[in-house]
Amino acid sequence: MTKKMYIVGNGPIKEDLSADIDGSDFVVRFNEPKSSIGMSGTKTDILFMCNAGKPMQRRLTDPHFIESPIVRAASQIVLAYHPFIIDRYFPKPNILSRIKGRRSDWTMATIRSLGGVGKTNIVLPEQFYLDGCRELGLPESKMGEVFPSTGFFGIYYILNHPDYAGWDISVCGFSWQGWKRHAWANEQEWVRNKVDRKLLSVID
């Protein structure tokens, strides 16, 4: 029997999929649910996280994040950005921001925090990021300006992982909107291509 997986984004979901998602074999989520809260259940096998920039700092300083049902349910935390990638490509906070404690790389802080509550942490390698950028058609000259999203890397990871070959994979809760430096149009077109090739389906 074919195994069922849901890859759940943080955008709005039109109908309550909680029972289907919680009853599936495997669930992948990202960062912290927003618009999908109450509509997508809580089952979480892999939680992909953006371990760079101000949003990660906010999560790590919010005690409610660690106690959230999604984090508590997660079996594994996958950090999408290798520290070398963050150092090479990601924007650096200015001096005033650094005085306030901001920085680009929150990898070790995330590992300490989530590892401290028993979570297994995996940091994806540099080459994974570079391959993902090429998959989206992002040239080297743009890699300091445009950054693939955690959601893209989660889908890319699953589709390239041999353990999940042949699974029935549904993607939901992706609006392809948000931070202006993500390559939303490229990512949406990439997912359409995977749908056309019947590698996954999208629930609008």
Protein backbone atom coordinates (compact mmCIF):
# COMPACT_ATOMS: atom_id res chain seq x y z
CA MET A 1 0.00 0.00 0.00
CA THR A 2 1.35 3.44 -0.96
CA LYS A 3 2.35 5.59 1.99
CA LYS A 4 0.84 9.06 2.36
CA MET A 5 2.74 12.25 3.20
CA TYR A 6 1.62 15.84 3.70
CA ILE A 7 3.97 18.79 3.32
CA VAL A 8 2.22 21.61 5.16
CA GLY A 9 3.09 25.25 4.54
CA ASN A 10 2.17 28.17 6.76
CA GLY A 11 -0.30 29.80 4.38
CA PRO A 12 -4.10 29.55 4.52
CA ILE A 13 -5.92 26.25 3.99
CA LYS A 14 -9.47 26.42 2.64
CA GLU A 15 -10.84 23.32 4.37
CA ASP A 16 -10.05 21.50 7.58
CA LEU A 17 -7.51 18.82 6.71
CA SER A 18 -6.64 17.97 10.31
CA ALA A 19 -7.98 14.41 10.28
CA ASP A 20 -6.31 13.52 6.97
CA ILE A 21 -2.98 15.07 7.95
CA ASP A 22 -2.86 13.62 11.46
CA GLY A 23 -3.87 10.23 10.06
CA SER A 24 -1.18 10.17 7.36
CA ASP A 25 2.11 8.29 7.51
CA PHE A 26 4.39 11.33 7.54
CA VAL A 27 4.08 15.11 7.94
CA VAL A 28 6.58 17.85 7.13
CA ARG A 29 6.12 21.41 8.43
CA PHE A 30 8.05 24.67 8.51
CA ASN A 31 9.10 27.17 11.17
CA GLU A 32 5.84 28.03 12.94
CA PRO A 33 2.30 27.50 11.63
CA LYS A 34 0.32 30.69 11.09
CA SER A 35 -2.71 30.68 8.80
CA SER A 36 -2.96 26.88 8.91
CA ILE A 37 -3.44 26.68 12.69
CA GLY A 38 -6.54 24.66 13.52
CA MET A 39 -6.91 23.42 9.94
CA SER A 40 -3.93 21.08 9.56
CA GLY A 41 -3.66 19.08 12.76
CA THR A 42 -0.46 18.79 14.79
CA LYS A 43 1.31 15.61 13.61
CA THR A 44 4.89 16.55 12.71
CA ASP A 45 7.70 14.23 11.73
CA ILE A 46 10.12 16.79 10.32
CA LEU A 47 10.09 20.48 11.18
CA PHE A 48 12.21 22.49 8.74
CA MET A 49 13.53 25.70 10.21
CA CYS A 50 15.15 28.85 8.88
CA ASN A 51 18.15 29.15 11.19
CA ALA A 52 19.06 32.63 9.91
CA GLY A 53 17.97 36.18 10.67
CA LYS A 54 15.57 38.01 12.94
CA PRO A 55 12.61 35.57 12.76
CA MET A 56 14.74 32.79 14.27
CA GLN A 57 15.92 35.11 17.04
CA ARG A 58 12.29 35.89 17.86
CA ARG A 59 11.36 32.22 18.01
CA LEU A 60 14.26 31.33 20.27
CA THR A 61 13.39 34.08 22.73
CA ASP A 62 9.69 33.16 22.83
CA PRO A 63 9.01 30.46 25.46
CA HIS A 64 5.67 29.69 23.81
CA PHE A 65 7.45 28.54 20.64
CA ILE A 66 9.28 25.67 22.34
CA GLU A 67 6.04 24.65 24.03
CA SER A 68 3.94 24.84 20.87
CA PRO A 69 2.16 21.61 19.80
CA ILE A 70 4.09 21.50 16.52
CA VAL A 71 7.54 21.75 18.12
CA ARG A 72 6.58 19.28 20.83
CA ALA A 73 5.33 16.82 18.21
CA ALA A 74 8.35 17.13 15.89
CA SER A 75 10.57 14.05 15.77
CA GLN A 76 13.35 15.79 13.88
CA ILE A 77 14.46 19.38 13.27
CA VAL A 78 16.12 20.12 9.93
CA LEU A 79 18.01 23.41 9.62
CA ALA A 80 17.85 24.51 6.01
CA TYR A 81 20.90 26.78 5.86
CA HIS A 82 24.46 25.67 6.57
CA PRO A 83 26.48 28.24 8.60
CA PHE A 84 28.96 28.62 5.71
CA ILE A 85 26.07 29.48 3.37
CA ILE A 86 24.69 32.04 5.84
CA ASP A 87 28.13 33.61 6.19
CA ARG A 88 28.74 33.73 2.45
CA TYR A 89 25.37 34.86 1.08
CA PHE A 90 22.95 36.09 3.73
CA PRO A 91 22.53 39.79 4.71
CA LYS A 92 24.50 40.92 7.75
CA PRO A 93 22.87 43.08 10.45
CA ASN A 94 24.24 46.59 10.81
CA ILE A 95 26.19 47.67 13.89
CA LEU A 96 23.11 48.98 15.73
CA SER A 97 21.31 45.71 15.17
CA ARG A 98 24.33 43.75 16.39
CA ILE A 99 24.35 45.81 19.58
CA LYS A 100 20.74 44.64 20.08
CA GLY A 101 21.91 41.04 19.82
CA ARG A 102 20.93 40.40 16.23
CA ARG A 103 23.02 38.27 13.94
CA SER A 104 22.69 36.31 10.74
CA ASP A 105 23.48 32.82 12.00
CA TRP A 106 21.35 31.18 14.70
CA THR A 107 22.43 27.60 13.99
CA MET A 108 24.17 26.78 17.27
CA ALA A 109 21.59 28.66 19.32
CA THR A 110 18.84 26.62 17.66
CA ILE A 111 20.66 23.35 18.26
CA ARG A 112 21.19 24.23 21.92
CA SER A 113 17.58 25.28 22.41
CA LEU A 114 15.80 22.47 20.57
CA GLY A 115 18.40 19.86 21.42
CA GLY A 116 17.86 20.85 25.03
CA VAL A 117 14.26 19.62 24.81
CA GLY A 118 15.28 16.33 23.20
CA LYS A 119 15.01 17.14 19.51
CA THR A 120 17.35 15.65 16.93
CA ASN A 121 18.86 18.43 14.81
CA ILE A 122 20.20 18.03 11.27
CA VAL A 123 22.02 20.81 9.40
CA LEU A 124 21.78 20.46 5.64
CA PRO A 125 25.14 20.60 3.82
CA GLU A 126 26.44 23.53 1.79
CA GLN A 127 26.08 21.61 -1.46
CA PHE A 128 22.39 21.02 -0.82
CA TYR A 129 21.79 24.79 -0.81
CA LEU A 130 23.87 25.35 -3.94
CA ASP A 131 22.08 22.53 -5.78
CA GLY A 132 18.71 23.97 -4.75
CA CYS A 133 19.63 27.39 -6.12
CA ARG A 134 20.63 25.81 -9.43
CA GLU A 135 17.37 23.84 -9.46
CA LEU A 136 15.50 27.17 -9.29
CA GLY A 137 17.71 28.76 -11.94
CA LEU A 138 19.30 31.28 -9.57
CA PRO A 139 22.73 32.36 -10.86
CA GLU A 140 25.67 32.91 -8.54
CA SER A 141 25.42 36.65 -9.18
CA LYS A 142 21.95 36.71 -7.55
CA MET A 143 22.64 34.45 -4.59
CA GLY A 144 23.41 37.38 -2.29
CA GLU A 145 20.08 39.00 -3.18
CA VAL A 146 17.56 36.16 -3.59
CA PHE A 147 17.20 33.22 -1.20
CA PRO A 148 15.13 30.05 -1.70
CA SER A 149 12.59 29.63 1.09
CA THR A 150 12.59 27.01 3.82
CA GLY A 151 9.42 25.64 2.22
CA PHE A 152 11.12 25.10 -1.11
CA PHE A 153 14.05 23.34 0.53
CA GLY A 154 11.67 21.09 2.46
CA ILE A 155 9.91 19.94 -0.70
CA TYR A 156 13.23 19.64 -2.55
CA TYR A 157 14.66 17.55 0.31
CA ILE A 158 11.72 15.14 0.34
CA LEU A 159 11.64 14.67 -3.44
CA ASN A 160 15.37 13.88 -3.48
CA HIS A 161 15.35 11.54 -0.48
CA PRO A 162 15.35 7.84 -1.45
CA ASP A 163 13.30 6.86 1.61
CA TYR A 164 10.27 8.71 0.22
CA ALA A 165 10.42 7.57 -3.40
CA GLY A 166 7.02 6.42 -4.62
CA TRP A 167 5.07 7.99 -1.76
CA ASP A 168 1.77 9.81 -2.33
CA ILE A 169 2.81 13.38 -1.45
CA SER A 170 0.36 16.24 -1.04
CA VAL A 171 1.42 19.86 -0.56
CA CYS A 172 -0.93 22.33 1.13
CA GLY A 173 -0.80 25.75 2.79
CA PHE A 174 1.60 27.34 0.30
CA SER A 175 0.62 30.84 -0.86
CA TRP A 176 3.96 31.66 -2.54
CA GLN A 177 3.99 35.05 -0.81
CA GLY A 178 6.03 36.59 1.97
CA TRP A 179 9.56 37.91 2.33
CA LYS A 180 10.45 39.90 -0.79
CA ARG A 181 13.86 38.23 -1.09
CA HIS A 182 12.47 34.74 -1.64
CA ALA A 183 12.16 33.50 -5.23
CA TRP A 184 8.40 32.94 -5.03
CA ALA A 185 7.67 32.87 -8.78
CA ASN A 186 10.53 30.42 -9.43
CA GLU A 187 9.43 28.19 -6.57
CA GLN A 188 5.79 28.11 -7.64
CA GLU A 189 6.77 27.23 -11.22
CA TRP A 190 9.10 24.52 -9.91
CA VAL A 191 6.27 22.95 -7.91
CA ARG A 192 3.95 23.10 -10.95
CA ASN A 193 6.56 21.14 -12.88
CA LYS A 194 6.62 18.47 -10.17
CA VAL A 195 2.82 18.28 -10.27
CA ASP A 196 2.91 17.86 -14.06
CA ARG A 197 5.38 15.02 -13.57
CA LYS A 198 3.04 13.47 -10.98
CA LEU A 199 5.67 13.60 -8.24
CA LEU A 200 3.28 15.38 -5.92
CA SER A 201 -0.13 17.04 -5.79
CA VAL A 202 -1.15 20.47 -4.51
CA ILE A 203 -4.25 21.09 -2.41
CA ASP A 204 -5.35 24.69 -3.00
